[in-house]
Amino acid sequence: MLITALRAGSTRLREATVVEFGGSEHVIFLSSLPLEFDDKVRIERDRNGATADGKVIAVQYHEGRKAVAVRFLQGPCAWVTQP
């Protein structure tokens, strides 16, 4: 999955990551991007190009790693739970 931080300006911050937990309305992943509470992101699935926009609802730091929880903005997103 690709994560893009949606911020004002021309700089696009992106990274590839793995979903640690995915549901129809939320997703949790590890990230090295400078994401904070209330930031907006675009989530893209590698295989079929499906995308969803979301908002960061939680960030947890633990032993040098950062877990990010995102809620989808357009409602349930079924493709996140598909293999």
Protein backbone atom coordinates (compact mmCIF):
# COMPACT_ATOMS: atom_id res chain seq x y z
CA MET A 1 0.00 0.00 0.00
CA LEU A 2 1.19 3.53 -0.71
CA ILE A 3 0.54 6.42 1.67
CA THR A 4 0.64 10.03 0.47
CA ALA A 5 0.43 12.94 2.92
CA LEU A 6 -2.07 15.48 1.53
CA ARG A 7 -0.61 18.82 2.52
CA ALA A 8 -0.60 22.26 0.97
CA GLY A 9 2.36 22.96 -1.28
CA SER A 10 4.02 21.13 -4.10
CA THR A 11 5.98 18.60 -2.02
CA ARG A 12 4.39 15.15 -1.98
CA LEU A 13 5.48 12.94 0.88
CA ARG A 14 4.93 9.23 0.04
CA GLU A 15 5.95 5.87 1.34
CA ALA A 16 5.14 2.21 0.83
CA THR A 17 3.93 0.39 3.92
CA VAL A 18 1.98 -2.65 5.09
CA VAL A 19 -1.45 -2.58 6.72
CA GLU A 20 -1.13 -3.90 10.27
CA PHE A 21 -4.92 -3.76 10.79
CA GLY A 22 -7.59 -2.96 8.23
CA GLY A 23 -11.31 -2.60 8.61
CA SER A 24 -14.04 -1.09 6.45
CA GLU A 25 -13.77 2.30 8.19
CA HIS A 26 -10.23 2.38 9.64
CA VAL A 27 -6.70 1.28 8.89
CA ILE A 28 -3.55 1.10 11.04
CA PHE A 29 -0.03 1.04 9.61
CA LEU A 30 3.55 1.80 10.58
CA SER A 31 4.94 4.99 9.07
CA SER A 32 8.07 7.09 8.91
CA LEU A 33 6.21 10.06 7.38
CA PRO A 34 5.82 13.17 9.56
CA LEU A 35 2.11 12.49 10.15
CA GLU A 36 0.24 13.95 13.09
CA PHE A 37 -3.33 13.97 14.42
CA ASP A 38 -5.85 15.42 11.93
CA ASP A 39 -3.53 15.21 8.87
CA LYS A 40 -5.14 13.99 5.65
CA VAL A 41 -3.68 11.12 3.65
CA ARG A 42 -4.40 9.19 0.46
CA ILE A 43 -4.13 5.41 0.65
CA GLU A 44 -3.50 3.50 -2.57
CA ARG A 45 -3.65 -0.23 -3.07
CA ASP A 46 -0.71 -1.45 -5.15
CA ARG A 47 -2.42 -4.09 -7.27
CA ASN A 48 -5.55 -2.52 -8.69
CA GLY A 49 -4.99 1.19 -8.10
CA ALA A 50 -7.92 1.63 -5.69
CA THR A 51 -7.58 4.76 -3.56
CA ALA A 52 -9.20 6.20 -0.45
CA ASP A 53 -8.68 9.46 1.41
CA GLY A 54 -8.56 9.49 5.18
CA LYS A 55 -7.78 11.52 8.26
CA VAL A 56 -5.27 10.60 10.94
CA ILE A 57 -7.19 9.93 14.16
CA ALA A 58 -4.34 8.59 16.31
CA VAL A 59 -0.56 8.34 16.37
CA GLN A 60 1.39 6.17 18.78
CA TYR A 61 5.15 6.21 19.23
CA HIS A 62 6.87 3.13 20.68
CA GLU A 63 10.55 2.24 20.72
CA GLY A 64 11.42 4.40 17.73
CA ARG A 65 8.46 3.27 15.62
CA LYS A 66 5.24 5.10 14.84
CA ALA A 67 1.81 3.52 14.34
CA VAL A 68 -0.80 5.63 12.56
CA ALA A 69 -4.57 5.08 12.64
CA VAL A 70 -6.64 6.58 9.80
CA ARG A 71 -10.42 6.87 9.39
CA PHE A 72 -11.70 6.86 5.80
CA LEU A 73 -13.42 10.11 4.83
CA GLN A 74 -15.87 8.74 2.24
CA GLY A 75 -17.29 6.06 4.53
CA PRO A 76 -16.69 2.30 4.43
CA CYS A 77 -13.87 1.12 2.16
CA ALA A 78 -14.30 -2.58 1.32
CA TRP A 79 -11.10 -3.08 -0.69
CA VAL A 80 -8.91 -2.66 2.41
CA THR A 81 -10.10 -5.97 3.87
CA GLN A 82 -9.67 -7.95 0.63
CA PRO A 83 -6.56 -10.12 0.18
